[in-house]
C-alpha atoms as a PDB file:
ATOM      1  CA  MET A   1      -2.483  18.402   9.855  1.00  0.00           C
ATOM      2  CA  LEU A   2      -1.668  16.881   6.461  1.00  0.00           C
ATOM      3  CA  TYR A   3      -4.065  14.472   4.782  1.00  0.00           C
ATOM      4  CA  ALA A   4      -3.891  12.358   1.650  1.00  0.00           C
ATOM      5  CA  ASP A   5      -6.719  11.144  -0.519  1.00  0.00           C
ATOM      6  CA  VAL A   6      -5.654   7.734  -1.816  1.00  0.00           C
ATOM      7  CA  ILE A   7      -6.807   5.380  -4.552  1.00  0.00           C
ATOM      8  CA  LEU A   8      -7.300   1.813  -3.372  1.00  0.00           C
ATOM      9  CA  PRO A   9      -7.021  -1.093  -5.833  1.00  0.00           C
ATOM     10  CA  LEU A  10     -10.680  -1.915  -5.274  1.00  0.00           C
ATOM     11  CA  PRO A  11     -13.808  -1.323  -7.381  1.00  0.00           C
ATOM     12  CA  LEU A  12     -15.008   1.442  -5.039  1.00  0.00           C
ATOM     13  CA  GLN A  13     -16.050   4.917  -6.124  1.00  0.00           C
ATOM     14  CA  GLY A  14     -13.931   7.861  -5.044  1.00  0.00           C
ATOM     15  CA  THR A  15     -10.848   8.157  -2.918  1.00  0.00           C
ATOM     16  CA  TYR A  16     -10.292   7.565   0.790  1.00  0.00           C
ATOM     17  CA  THR A  17      -8.696   9.990   3.227  1.00  0.00           C
ATOM     18  CA  TYR A  18      -5.772   9.090   5.479  1.00  0.00           C
ATOM     19  CA  ALA A  19      -3.668  11.228   7.807  1.00  0.00           C
ATOM     20  CA  ILE A  20       0.000  11.654   6.929  1.00  0.00           C
ATOM     21  CA  PRO A  21       2.112  11.055  10.065  1.00  0.00           C
ATOM     22  CA  LEU A  22       4.838  13.635  10.736  1.00  0.00           C
ATOM     23  CA  GLU A  23       7.560  11.068   9.976  1.00  0.00           C
ATOM     24  CA  PHE A  24       6.277  10.788   6.368  1.00  0.00           C
ATOM     25  CA  LYS A  25       5.513  14.483   5.813  1.00  0.00           C
ATOM     26  CA  LYS A  26       8.500  14.976   3.480  1.00  0.00           C
ATOM     27  CA  SER A  27       8.217  11.637   1.659  1.00  0.00           C
ATOM     28  CA  VAL A  28       4.574  11.505   0.544  1.00  0.00           C
ATOM     29  CA  TYR A  29       3.631  13.052  -2.803  1.00  0.00           C
ATOM     30  CA  ALA A  30       0.780  12.702  -5.257  1.00  0.00           C
ATOM     31  CA  GLY A  31       1.567   9.439  -7.069  1.00  0.00           C
ATOM     32  CA  SER A  32       3.406   7.826  -4.116  1.00  0.00           C
ATOM     33  CA  ARG A  33       2.740   4.210  -3.202  1.00  0.00           C
ATOM     34  CA  VAL A  34       1.706   3.866   0.446  1.00  0.00           C
ATOM     35  CA  ILE A  35       0.408   1.063   2.635  1.00  0.00           C
ATOM     36  CA  VAL A  36      -2.933   1.775   4.312  1.00  0.00           C
ATOM     37  CA  GLN A  37      -5.249  -0.218   6.529  1.00  0.00           C
ATOM     38  CA  PHE A  38      -8.739  -0.555   5.075  1.00  0.00           C
ATOM     39  CA  GLY A  39     -11.220  -2.088   7.462  1.00  0.00           C
ATOM     40  CA  LYS A  40     -10.113  -3.881  10.601  1.00  0.00           C
ATOM     41  CA  LYS A  41      -7.539  -6.314   9.223  1.00  0.00           C
ATOM     42  CA  LYS A  42      -6.943  -5.592   5.540  1.00  0.00           C
ATOM     43  CA  PHE A  43      -3.887  -3.751   4.239  1.00  0.00           C
ATOM     44  CA  TYR A  44      -3.526  -2.435   0.698  1.00  0.00           C
ATOM     45  CA  THR A  45      -0.999  -0.606  -1.417  1.00  0.00           C
ATOM     46  CA  ALA A  46      -2.675   2.670  -2.293  1.00  0.00           C
ATOM     47  CA  ILE A  47      -1.646   5.487  -4.617  1.00  0.00           C
ATOM     48  CA  VAL A  48      -1.769   9.012  -3.209  1.00  0.00           C
ATOM     49  CA  PHE A  49      -4.152  11.024  -5.389  1.00  0.00           C
ATOM     50  CA  GLN A  50      -3.821  14.385  -3.659  1.00  0.00           C
ATOM     51  CA  ILE A  51      -2.426  15.945  -0.488  1.00  0.00           C
ATOM     52  CA  TYR A  52      -3.945  18.800   1.466  1.00  0.00           C
ATOM     53  CA  GLU A  53      -3.700  20.528   4.795  1.00  0.00           C
ATOM     54  CA  LYS A  54      -6.669  21.013   7.081  1.00  0.00           C
ATOM     55  CA  GLU A  55      -7.062  21.803  10.765  1.00  0.00           C
ATOM     56  CA  LYS A  56      -9.299  18.865  11.562  1.00  0.00           C
ATOM     57  CA  LEU A  57     -11.663  16.613   9.658  1.00  0.00           C
ATOM     58  CA  SER A  58     -15.228  16.038  10.813  1.00  0.00           C
ATOM     59  CA  GLN A  59     -14.581  12.325  11.326  1.00  0.00           C
ATOM     60  CA  PRO A  60     -11.514  10.411  12.543  1.00  0.00           C
ATOM     61  CA  VAL A  61      -9.190   8.934   9.894  1.00  0.00           C
ATOM     62  CA  LYS A  62      -6.467   6.305  10.024  1.00  0.00           C
ATOM     63  CA  ASP A  63      -2.810   7.082   9.430  1.00  0.00           C
ATOM     64  CA  ILE A  64      -0.799   5.952   6.434  1.00  0.00           C
ATOM     65  CA  VAL A  65       1.141   2.897   7.660  1.00  0.00           C
ATOM     66  CA  THR A  66       4.260   3.372   5.528  1.00  0.00           C
ATOM     67  CA  VAL A  67       5.601   4.887   2.331  1.00  0.00           C
ATOM     68  CA  LEU A  68       7.085   2.340  -0.090  1.00  0.00           C
ATOM     69  CA  GLU A  69       9.401   4.416  -2.302  1.00  0.00           C
ATOM     70  CA  GLU A  70      11.361   7.623  -2.102  1.00  0.00           C
ATOM     71  CA  TYR A  71       9.778   8.942  -5.311  1.00  0.00           C
ATOM     72  CA  PRO A  72       6.226   8.747  -6.698  1.00  0.00           C
ATOM     73  CA  ILE A  73       5.548   6.028  -9.283  1.00  0.00           C
ATOM     74  CA  ALA A  74       2.730   7.943 -10.997  1.00  0.00           C
ATOM     75  CA  THR A  75       2.922  11.529 -12.211  1.00  0.00           C
ATOM     76  CA  PRO A  76       0.178  14.127 -11.685  1.00  0.00           C
ATOM     77  CA  LEU A  77      -0.548  13.905 -15.434  1.00  0.00           C
ATOM     78  CA  GLN A  78      -1.016  10.123 -15.182  1.00  0.00           C
ATOM     79  CA  LEU A  79      -3.361  10.546 -12.211  1.00  0.00           C
ATOM     80  CA  LYS A  80      -5.390  13.093 -14.185  1.00  0.00           C
ATOM     81  CA  PHE A  81      -5.521  10.586 -17.065  1.00  0.00           C
ATOM     82  CA  TRP A  82      -6.681   7.821 -14.691  1.00  0.00           C
ATOM     83  CA  GLU A  83      -9.448  10.145 -13.522  1.00  0.00           C
ATOM     84  CA  TRP A  84     -10.502  10.758 -17.141  1.00  0.00           C
ATOM     85  CA  VAL A  85     -10.418   7.013 -17.945  1.00  0.00           C
ATOM     86  CA  ALA A  86     -12.618   6.277 -14.895  1.00  0.00           C
ATOM     87  CA  MET A  87     -15.113   8.923 -15.964  1.00  0.00           C
ATOM     88  CA  TYR A  88     -15.092   7.953 -19.664  1.00  0.00           C
ATOM     89  CA  TYR A  89     -15.487   4.206 -19.028  1.00  0.00           C
ATOM     90  CA  MET A  90     -17.771   4.712 -16.002  1.00  0.00           C
ATOM     91  CA  CYS A  91     -15.593   2.706 -13.669  1.00  0.00           C
ATOM     92  CA  SER A  92     -13.833   3.472 -10.394  1.00  0.00           C
ATOM     93  CA  LEU A  93     -10.356   4.934  -9.982  1.00  0.00           C
ATOM     94  CA  GLY A  94      -9.509   1.672  -8.208  1.00  0.00           C
ATOM     95  CA  ASP A  95     -10.366  -0.292 -11.355  1.00  0.00           C
ATOM     96  CA  VAL A  96      -8.105   1.962 -13.421  1.00  0.00           C
ATOM     97  CA  TYR A  97      -5.298   1.646 -10.848  1.00  0.00           C
ATOM     98  CA  ARG A  98      -5.569  -2.180 -10.929  1.00  0.00           C
ATOM     99  CA  ALA A  99      -5.328  -2.156 -14.728  1.00  0.00           C
ATOM    100  CA  ALA A 100      -2.568   0.457 -14.943  1.00  0.00           C
ATOM    101  CA  LEU A 101       0.031  -1.053 -12.608  1.00  0.00           C
ATOM    102  CA  PRO A 102       1.565  -4.544 -12.539  1.00  0.00           C
ATOM    103  CA  SER A 103       0.274  -6.810  -9.769  1.00  0.00           C
ATOM    104  CA  ALA A 104       3.729  -6.923  -8.129  1.00  0.00           C
ATOM    105  CA  LEU A 105       3.239  -3.270  -7.183  1.00  0.00           C
ATOM    106  CA  LYS A 106      -0.136  -3.893  -5.484  1.00  0.00           C
ATOM    107  CA  LEU A 107       0.554  -5.719  -2.221  1.00  0.00           C
ATOM    108  CA  GLU A 108      -2.465  -6.612  -0.112  1.00  0.00           C
ATOM    109  CA  SER A 109      -3.278  -8.828   2.849  1.00  0.00           C
ATOM    110  CA  GLU A 110      -4.381 -11.529   0.365  1.00  0.00           C
ATOM    111  CA  THR A 111      -1.196 -11.361  -1.724  1.00  0.00           C
ATOM    112  CA  HIS A 112       0.468 -14.773  -2.085  1.00  0.00           C
ATOM    113  CA  VAL A 113       4.173 -14.908  -1.280  1.00  0.00           C
ATOM    114  CA  LEU A 114       6.877 -17.459  -2.073  1.00  0.00           C
ATOM    115  CA  LEU A 115      10.435 -17.538  -0.772  1.00  0.00           C
ATOM    116  CA  ASN A 116      13.016 -16.553  -3.374  1.00  0.00           C
ATOM    117  CA  ALA A 117      15.558 -19.377  -3.105  1.00  0.00           C
ATOM    118  CA  ASP A 118      18.319 -16.957  -4.188  1.00  0.00           C
ATOM    119  CA  PHE A 119      17.537 -14.398  -1.449  1.00  0.00           C
ATOM    120  CA  GLU A 120      20.659 -12.929   0.154  1.00  0.00           C
ATOM    121  CA  THR A 121      21.188  -9.892   2.315  1.00  0.00           C
ATOM    122  CA  SER A 122      24.266  -8.112   3.565  1.00  0.00           C
ATOM    123  CA  GLU A 123      22.403  -6.642   6.538  1.00  0.00           C
ATOM    124  CA  PRO A 124      20.994  -8.655   9.440  1.00  0.00           C
ATOM    125  CA  LEU A 125      17.233  -9.168   9.493  1.00  0.00           C
ATOM    126  CA  THR A 126      15.166  -7.740  12.336  1.00  0.00           C
ATOM    127  CA  ALA A 127      13.413 -10.188  14.658  1.00  0.00           C
ATOM    128  CA  ASN A 128      10.095  -9.773  12.815  1.00  0.00           C
ATOM    129  CA  GLU A 129      11.754 -10.101   9.403  1.00  0.00           C
ATOM    130  CA  GLN A 130      13.364 -13.364  10.593  1.00  0.00           C
ATOM    131  CA  LYS A 131       9.945 -14.660  11.672  1.00  0.00           C
ATOM    132  CA  VAL A 132       8.543 -13.872   8.219  1.00  0.00           C
ATOM    133  CA  PHE A 133      11.556 -15.398   6.475  1.00  0.00           C
ATOM    134  CA  TYR A 134      11.208 -18.693   8.386  1.00  0.00           C
ATOM    135  CA  CYS A 135       7.478 -18.905   7.534  1.00  0.00           C
ATOM    136  CA  LEU A 136       8.206 -18.786   3.807  1.00  0.00           C
ATOM    137  CA  SER A 137       8.905 -21.673   1.477  1.00  0.00           C
ATOM    138  CA  PRO A 138       9.994 -21.761  -2.195  1.00  0.00           C
ATOM    139  CA  ASP A 139       7.411 -24.534  -2.834  1.00  0.00           C
ATOM    140  CA  LYS A 140       4.190 -23.336  -1.218  1.00  0.00           C
ATOM    141  CA  ALA A 141       2.724 -19.842  -1.486  1.00  0.00           C
ATOM    142  CA  LYS A 142       1.154 -18.284   1.604  1.00  0.00           C
ATOM    143  CA  THR A 143      -0.951 -15.189   1.948  1.00  0.00           C
ATOM    144  CA  ILE A 144       0.405 -12.321   3.982  1.00  0.00           C
ATOM    145  CA  ALA A 145      -2.461 -12.885   6.429  1.00  0.00           C
ATOM    146  CA  GLU A 146      -1.340 -16.535   6.884  1.00  0.00           C
ATOM    147  CA  ILE A 147       2.263 -15.441   7.442  1.00  0.00           C
ATOM    148  CA  GLU A 148       1.175 -12.908  10.059  1.00  0.00           C
ATOM    149  CA  LYS A 149      -0.832 -15.563  11.894  1.00  0.00           C
ATOM    150  CA  GLN A 150       1.961 -18.178  11.777  1.00  0.00           C
ATOM    151  CA  ALA A 151       4.694 -15.706  12.790  1.00  0.00           C
ATOM    152  CA  GLY A 152       2.547 -13.995  15.417  1.00  0.00           C
ATOM    153  CA  ILE A 153       3.121 -10.530  13.994  1.00  0.00           C
ATOM    154  CA  SER A 154       1.058  -7.782  12.396  1.00  0.00           C
ATOM    155  CA  ASN A 155       1.629  -5.506   9.399  1.00  0.00           C
ATOM    156  CA  ALA A 156       3.861  -7.988   7.531  1.00  0.00           C
ATOM    157  CA  VAL A 157       2.727  -6.303   4.316  1.00  0.00           C
ATOM    158  CA  THR A 158       4.970  -3.371   5.283  1.00  0.00           C
ATOM    159  CA  PHE A 159       8.154  -5.475   5.409  1.00  0.00           C
ATOM    160  CA  GLN A 160      10.507  -5.066   2.464  1.00  0.00           C
ATOM    161  CA  LEU A 161      12.694  -8.169   2.500  1.00  0.00           C
END
């Protein structure tokens, strides 16, 4: 089984382990942005710190929900530098991650979303994407958690409209 240690954009020490589902086996690399569930209802964009193979872990772990890009956005050298910065400044890797990447790349359940009035697509939206689209407004921002509740769906953070 493949596992990934990920950096969450939170002021927590260390990394957190998630299982890599078979469907993502060839698309997850160190430095990849992935969506993970942390706790019962919170979703975060995490950065894969390292990948390893192990028969079975001593405790159950959650799966990575989705992979956001085809290629990693951070190189192994950058991740090593982040690790050094965290050690040197006595902060967490999550603190370094939050400072290193723009907020638009760090989606979370609490992220506020507005409708882009110029949004157009050449492909039809899925039923869940339509529900999300109709919950949005160009005037009033809503959190992803609010959109999920209003639309009656889960994992809206994984949608890429």
